[in-house]
Amino acid sequence: MKRFLIVATHGSEDVERATIPFALSNAIIKAGNEVVIFLAANAVELVKKGEAEKISAPNFPPLRDLLSNLIKSKTKIITCLPCAKNRAIKPEDAIAGVSFGAGPELAAEMASADNVVSF
């Protein structure tokens, strides 16, 4: 089993780029590997309650389904706290199953990952 760190930076401004990290993460888990997702920049908006329901990229499953699968599989999803603060998103605004962190958490996940992918 390999461990992947996926860093996502796109939100609703580009639904395809917002969806790809979650679709890839689901595929990686289905293949028997582990994934940690770190959301930065506009991607932090995706964990706001009700936001994933608004995202549907052509030819991809809806983001709400991809995100739900990841949370059910206990995938670690870390939301950049400074990025969230810049967008007035508080931890209580986020869906259940995500955490908040910053540079130290990202650095630790990078150090323990076999592969780091950024979108």
N, C-alpha and C. Protein backbone atom coordinates (compact mmCIF):
# COMPACT_ATOMS: atom_id res chain seq x y z
N MET A 1 0.84 -1.17 0.00
CA MET A 1 0.00 0.00 0.00
C MET A 1 0.89 1.24 0.00
N LYS A 2 0.52 2.19 -0.83
CA LYS A 2 1.23 3.47 -0.90
C LYS A 2 0.38 4.56 -0.28
N ARG A 3 1.06 5.61 0.13
CA ARG A 3 0.38 6.75 0.75
C ARG A 3 0.55 7.97 -0.16
N PHE A 4 -0.58 8.58 -0.52
CA PHE A 4 -0.59 9.73 -1.42
C PHE A 4 -1.05 10.97 -0.66
N LEU A 5 -0.41 12.09 -0.94
CA LEU A 5 -0.88 13.38 -0.48
C LEU A 5 -1.35 14.14 -1.71
N ILE A 6 -2.61 14.53 -1.70
CA ILE A 6 -3.19 15.31 -2.78
C ILE A 6 -3.40 16.73 -2.26
N VAL A 7 -2.80 17.71 -2.92
CA VAL A 7 -2.98 19.11 -2.55
C VAL A 7 -3.88 19.75 -3.60
N ALA A 8 -5.04 20.23 -3.16
CA ALA A 8 -6.03 20.83 -4.07
C ALA A 8 -6.10 22.33 -3.80
N THR A 9 -6.20 23.11 -4.89
CA THR A 9 -6.23 24.57 -4.74
C THR A 9 -7.40 25.25 -5.45
N HIS A 10 -8.23 24.49 -6.16
CA HIS A 10 -9.31 25.10 -6.93
C HIS A 10 -10.67 24.84 -6.29
N GLY A 11 -11.54 25.84 -6.38
CA GLY A 11 -12.89 25.74 -5.86
C GLY A 11 -13.91 25.90 -6.95
N SER A 12 -15.01 26.52 -6.63
CA SER A 12 -16.12 26.63 -7.56
C SER A 12 -15.83 27.50 -8.78
N GLU A 13 -14.72 28.23 -8.78
CA GLU A 13 -14.36 29.03 -9.95
C GLU A 13 -13.98 28.15 -11.14
N ASP A 14 -13.63 26.90 -10.88
CA ASP A 14 -13.29 25.95 -11.94
C ASP A 14 -13.73 24.56 -11.48
N VAL A 15 -14.96 24.19 -11.82
CA VAL A 15 -15.54 22.96 -11.28
C VAL A 15 -14.77 21.71 -11.68
N GLU A 16 -14.19 21.71 -12.87
CA GLU A 16 -13.43 20.54 -13.29
C GLU A 16 -12.17 20.38 -12.44
N ARG A 17 -11.42 21.45 -12.29
CA ARG A 17 -10.20 21.38 -11.46
C ARG A 17 -10.52 21.16 -9.99
N ALA A 18 -11.69 21.58 -9.56
CA ALA A 18 -12.10 21.33 -8.18
C ALA A 18 -12.44 19.86 -7.97
N THR A 19 -12.97 19.21 -8.99
CA THR A 19 -13.43 17.83 -8.88
C THR A 19 -12.32 16.80 -9.05
N ILE A 20 -11.37 17.07 -9.91
CA ILE A 20 -10.33 16.09 -10.24
C ILE A 20 -9.61 15.53 -9.01
N PRO A 21 -9.17 16.35 -8.05
CA PRO A 21 -8.47 15.76 -6.89
C PRO A 21 -9.32 14.76 -6.12
N PHE A 22 -10.61 15.00 -6.04
CA PHE A 22 -11.50 14.10 -5.31
C PHE A 22 -11.77 12.83 -6.11
N ALA A 23 -11.90 12.95 -7.42
CA ALA A 23 -12.07 11.76 -8.27
C ALA A 23 -10.83 10.89 -8.21
N LEU A 24 -9.66 11.52 -8.31
CA LEU A 24 -8.40 10.77 -8.23
C LEU A 24 -8.24 10.11 -6.87
N SER A 25 -8.58 10.83 -5.81
CA SER A 25 -8.47 10.26 -4.46
C SER A 25 -9.35 9.02 -4.32
N ASN A 26 -10.56 9.07 -4.85
CA ASN A 26 -11.44 7.90 -4.80
C ASN A 26 -10.82 6.72 -5.55
N ALA A 27 -10.21 6.98 -6.71
CA ALA A 27 -9.58 5.91 -7.48
C ALA A 27 -8.38 5.33 -6.74
N ILE A 28 -7.61 6.17 -6.09
CA ILE A 28 -6.44 5.70 -5.34
C ILE A 28 -6.88 4.80 -4.19
N ILE A 29 -7.93 5.20 -3.49
CA ILE A 29 -8.44 4.38 -2.38
C ILE A 29 -9.00 3.07 -2.89
N LYS A 30 -9.72 3.13 -4.00
CA LYS A 30 -10.29 1.90 -4.58
C LYS A 30 -9.19 0.91 -4.96
N ALA A 31 -8.02 1.43 -5.32
CA ALA A 31 -6.88 0.57 -5.67
C ALA A 31 -6.15 0.04 -4.44
N GLY A 32 -6.65 0.38 -3.24
CA GLY A 32 -6.07 -0.16 -2.02
C GLY A 32 -5.00 0.69 -1.38
N ASN A 33 -4.91 1.93 -1.76
CA ASN A 33 -3.90 2.83 -1.20
C ASN A 33 -4.55 3.83 -0.25
N GLU A 34 -3.71 4.61 0.41
CA GLU A 34 -4.17 5.61 1.37
C GLU A 34 -3.99 7.00 0.79
N VAL A 35 -4.92 7.89 1.11
CA VAL A 35 -4.86 9.27 0.62
C VAL A 35 -5.07 10.23 1.78
N VAL A 36 -4.33 11.32 1.74
CA VAL A 36 -4.58 12.49 2.57
C VAL A 36 -4.78 13.64 1.60
N ILE A 37 -5.82 14.43 1.83
CA ILE A 37 -6.09 15.58 0.98
C ILE A 37 -5.86 16.84 1.80
N PHE A 38 -5.09 17.77 1.22
CA PHE A 38 -4.89 19.07 1.84
C PHE A 38 -5.50 20.11 0.92
N LEU A 39 -6.48 20.85 1.45
CA LEU A 39 -7.17 21.87 0.67
C LEU A 39 -6.58 23.23 0.98
N ALA A 40 -6.18 23.95 -0.06
CA ALA A 40 -5.60 25.28 0.09
C ALA A 40 -6.25 26.24 -0.91
N ALA A 41 -5.97 27.52 -0.74
CA ALA A 41 -6.50 28.57 -1.62
C ALA A 41 -8.02 28.40 -1.77
N ASN A 42 -8.55 28.50 -2.97
CA ASN A 42 -10.00 28.43 -3.18
C ASN A 42 -10.62 27.07 -2.86
N ALA A 43 -9.81 26.02 -2.81
CA ALA A 43 -10.35 24.68 -2.52
C ALA A 43 -10.95 24.59 -1.12
N VAL A 44 -10.55 25.47 -0.21
CA VAL A 44 -11.12 25.42 1.14
C VAL A 44 -12.63 25.67 1.12
N GLU A 45 -13.11 26.38 0.11
CA GLU A 45 -14.54 26.65 0.02
C GLU A 45 -15.36 25.38 -0.16
N LEU A 46 -14.74 24.32 -0.66
CA LEU A 46 -15.46 23.08 -0.97
C LEU A 46 -15.95 22.35 0.27
N VAL A 47 -15.38 22.64 1.44
CA VAL A 47 -15.81 21.96 2.66
C VAL A 47 -16.89 22.72 3.42
N LYS A 48 -17.28 23.88 2.91
CA LYS A 48 -18.40 24.59 3.54
C LYS A 48 -19.67 23.77 3.37
N LYS A 49 -20.46 23.73 4.42
CA LYS A 49 -21.73 22.99 4.35
C LYS A 49 -22.54 23.49 3.15
N GLY A 50 -22.98 22.56 2.31
CA GLY A 50 -23.81 22.86 1.16
C GLY A 50 -23.05 23.21 -0.11
N GLU A 51 -21.76 23.45 -0.02
CA GLU A 51 -20.99 23.88 -1.20
C GLU A 51 -20.77 22.73 -2.20
N ALA A 52 -20.44 21.55 -1.71
CA ALA A 52 -20.17 20.42 -2.62
C ALA A 52 -21.39 20.07 -3.47
N GLU A 53 -22.57 20.33 -2.95
CA GLU A 53 -23.80 20.04 -3.70
C GLU A 53 -23.93 20.92 -4.93
N LYS A 54 -23.23 22.03 -4.97
CA LYS A 54 -23.30 22.97 -6.09
C LYS A 54 -22.31 22.65 -7.20
N ILE A 55 -21.40 21.70 -6.96
CA ILE A 55 -20.30 21.44 -7.90
C ILE A 55 -20.58 20.15 -8.67
N SER A 56 -20.69 20.27 -9.98
CA SER A 56 -20.88 19.11 -10.84
C SER A 56 -20.17 19.37 -12.16
N ALA A 57 -19.02 18.75 -12.32
CA ALA A 57 -18.23 18.90 -13.54
C ALA A 57 -18.70 17.89 -14.59
N PRO A 58 -18.77 18.30 -15.85
CA PRO A 58 -19.19 17.37 -16.90
C PRO A 58 -18.31 16.12 -16.92
N ASN A 59 -18.95 14.97 -17.06
CA ASN A 59 -18.30 13.67 -17.20
C ASN A 59 -17.60 13.18 -15.93
N PHE A 60 -17.89 13.79 -14.79
CA PHE A 60 -17.39 13.34 -13.49
C PHE A 60 -18.58 13.10 -12.58
N PRO A 61 -18.41 12.23 -11.58
CA PRO A 61 -19.47 12.12 -10.57
C PRO A 61 -19.61 13.46 -9.84
N PRO A 62 -20.78 13.74 -9.29
CA PRO A 62 -20.94 14.98 -8.53
C PRO A 62 -19.95 15.04 -7.36
N LEU A 63 -19.49 16.22 -7.07
CA LEU A 63 -18.51 16.38 -6.00
C LEU A 63 -19.07 15.89 -4.67
N ARG A 64 -20.35 16.12 -4.42
CA ARG A 64 -20.94 15.69 -3.14
C ARG A 64 -20.76 14.18 -2.95
N ASP A 65 -20.89 13.40 -4.04
CA ASP A 65 -20.73 11.95 -3.94
C ASP A 65 -19.27 11.57 -3.71
N LEU A 66 -18.37 12.21 -4.43
CA LEU A 66 -16.94 11.92 -4.26
C LEU A 66 -16.49 12.25 -2.85
N LEU A 67 -16.90 13.40 -2.36
CA LEU A 67 -16.53 13.83 -1.02
C LEU A 67 -17.14 12.92 0.04
N SER A 68 -18.38 12.55 -0.15
CA SER A 68 -19.05 11.65 0.79
C SER A 68 -18.33 10.30 0.87
N ASN A 69 -17.93 9.76 -0.29
CA ASN A 69 -17.19 8.49 -0.30
C ASN A 69 -15.90 8.61 0.49
N LEU A 70 -15.20 9.72 0.34
CA LEU A 70 -13.93 9.91 1.04
C LEU A 70 -14.14 10.01 2.54
N ILE A 71 -15.15 10.72 2.95
CA ILE A 71 -15.42 10.85 4.38
C ILE A 71 -15.84 9.51 4.96
N LYS A 72 -16.66 8.75 4.24
CA LYS A 72 -17.07 7.43 4.71
C LYS A 72 -15.88 6.48 4.84
N SER A 73 -14.88 6.65 3.98
CA SER A 73 -13.70 5.79 4.03
C SER A 73 -12.66 6.30 5.02
N LYS A 74 -13.01 7.34 5.77
CA LYS A 74 -12.13 7.92 6.80
C LYS A 74 -10.88 8.55 6.21
N THR A 75 -10.97 9.05 4.99
CA THR A 75 -9.85 9.76 4.37
C THR A 75 -9.60 11.04 5.16
N LYS A 76 -8.35 11.29 5.44
CA LYS A 76 -7.97 12.51 6.16
C LYS A 76 -8.03 13.69 5.20
N ILE A 77 -8.89 14.66 5.52
CA ILE A 77 -9.04 15.87 4.71
C ILE A 77 -8.69 17.05 5.60
N ILE A 78 -7.60 17.72 5.26
CA ILE A 78 -7.12 18.86 6.05
C ILE A 78 -7.38 20.14 5.27
N THR A 79 -8.00 21.09 5.93
CA THR A 79 -8.31 22.38 5.33
C THR A 79 -7.31 23.41 5.85
N CYS A 80 -6.70 24.14 4.93
CA CYS A 80 -5.73 25.16 5.30
C CYS A 80 -6.41 26.23 6.15
N LEU A 81 -6.01 26.35 7.39
CA LEU A 81 -6.64 27.30 8.29
C LEU A 81 -6.42 28.75 7.86
N PRO A 82 -5.20 29.17 7.49
CA PRO A 82 -5.05 30.55 7.02
C PRO A 82 -5.88 30.84 5.77
N CYS A 83 -5.96 29.89 4.85
CA CYS A 83 -6.76 30.07 3.64
C CYS A 83 -8.24 30.19 4.00
N ALA A 84 -8.69 29.37 4.95
CA ALA A 84 -10.08 29.44 5.38
C ALA A 84 -10.37 30.79 6.04
N LYS A 85 -9.47 31.24 6.90
CA LYS A 85 -9.67 32.54 7.56
C LYS A 85 -9.74 33.66 6.52
N ASN A 86 -8.93 33.57 5.47
CA ASN A 86 -8.97 34.59 4.41
C ASN A 86 -10.31 34.63 3.70
N ARG A 87 -11.08 33.56 3.79
CA ARG A 87 -12.39 33.46 3.14
C ARG A 87 -13.53 33.44 4.15
N ALA A 88 -13.22 33.83 5.38
CA ALA A 88 -14.21 33.90 6.47
C ALA A 88 -14.91 32.56 6.71
N ILE A 89 -14.18 31.46 6.55
CA ILE A 89 -14.72 30.13 6.82
C ILE A 89 -14.19 29.68 8.17
N LYS A 90 -15.10 29.37 9.06
CA LYS A 90 -14.74 28.91 10.40
C LYS A 90 -14.92 27.39 10.46
N PRO A 91 -14.22 26.72 11.37
CA PRO A 91 -14.39 25.26 11.48
C PRO A 91 -15.86 24.83 11.63
N GLU A 92 -16.67 25.62 12.31
CA GLU A 92 -18.08 25.24 12.46
C GLU A 92 -18.87 25.38 11.16
N ASP A 93 -18.31 26.05 10.16
CA ASP A 93 -18.95 26.17 8.85
C ASP A 93 -18.70 24.94 7.97
N ALA A 94 -17.76 24.10 8.39
CA ALA A 94 -17.32 22.97 7.57
C ALA A 94 -18.17 21.72 7.81
N ILE A 95 -18.19 20.88 6.82
CA ILE A 95 -18.88 19.59 6.94
C ILE A 95 -18.14 18.72 7.96
N ALA A 96 -18.84 17.76 8.51
CA ALA A 96 -18.23 16.83 9.45
C ALA A 96 -17.21 15.95 8.73
N GLY A 97 -16.13 15.65 9.41
CA GLY A 97 -15.14 14.74 8.85
C GLY A 97 -13.90 15.42 8.30
N VAL A 98 -13.85 16.74 8.35
CA VAL A 98 -12.64 17.45 7.91
C VAL A 98 -11.98 18.12 9.10
N SER A 99 -10.67 18.34 8.98
CA SER A 99 -9.94 19.03 10.03
C SER A 99 -9.29 20.27 9.44
N PHE A 100 -8.69 21.07 10.30
CA PHE A 100 -8.02 22.28 9.87
C PHE A 100 -6.57 22.22 10.31
N GLY A 101 -5.69 22.75 9.48
CA GLY A 101 -4.27 22.76 9.80
C GLY A 101 -3.57 23.82 8.97
N ALA A 102 -2.26 23.85 9.09
CA ALA A 102 -1.47 24.86 8.37
C ALA A 102 -0.16 24.22 7.92
N GLY A 103 0.84 25.06 7.78
CA GLY A 103 2.13 24.60 7.27
C GLY A 103 2.72 23.39 7.98
N PRO A 104 2.74 23.36 9.31
CA PRO A 104 3.32 22.19 9.98
C PRO A 104 2.61 20.89 9.63
N GLU A 105 1.29 20.92 9.54
CA GLU A 105 0.54 19.70 9.19
C GLU A 105 0.82 19.29 7.75
N LEU A 106 0.88 20.27 6.85
CA LEU A 106 1.19 19.97 5.45
C LEU A 106 2.59 19.39 5.34
N ALA A 107 3.55 19.99 6.02
CA ALA A 107 4.93 19.49 5.98
C ALA A 107 5.03 18.06 6.51
N ALA A 108 4.31 17.77 7.58
CA ALA A 108 4.33 16.40 8.14
C ALA A 108 3.73 15.41 7.16
N GLU A 109 2.64 15.79 6.50
CA GLU A 109 2.01 14.88 5.53
C GLU A 109 2.91 14.68 4.31
N MET A 110 3.59 15.74 3.88
CA MET A 110 4.52 15.61 2.76
C MET A 110 5.65 14.65 3.10
N ALA A 111 6.16 14.74 4.32
CA ALA A 111 7.28 13.91 4.74
C ALA A 111 6.90 12.43 4.82
N SER A 112 5.63 12.15 5.11
CA SER A 112 5.23 10.74 5.26
C SER A 112 4.57 10.15 4.01
N ALA A 113 4.41 10.96 2.96
CA ALA A 113 3.76 10.48 1.74
C ALA A 113 4.77 9.81 0.81
N ASP A 114 4.31 8.79 0.10
CA ASP A 114 5.12 8.18 -0.96
C ASP A 114 5.07 9.03 -2.24
N ASN A 115 3.92 9.68 -2.42
CA ASN A 115 3.69 10.51 -3.61
C ASN A 115 2.93 11.76 -3.21
N VAL A 116 3.32 12.90 -3.77
CA VAL A 116 2.62 14.16 -3.54
C VAL A 116 2.15 14.66 -4.90
N VAL A 117 0.86 14.94 -5.00
CA VAL A 117 0.27 15.42 -6.25
C VAL A 117 -0.45 16.73 -5.94
N SER A 118 -0.26 17.72 -6.78
CA SER A 118 -0.88 19.02 -6.56
C SER A 118 -1.75 19.41 -7.76
N PHE A 119 -2.93 19.94 -7.45
CA PHE A 119 -3.86 20.40 -8.49
C PHE A 119 -4.21 21.84 -8.23
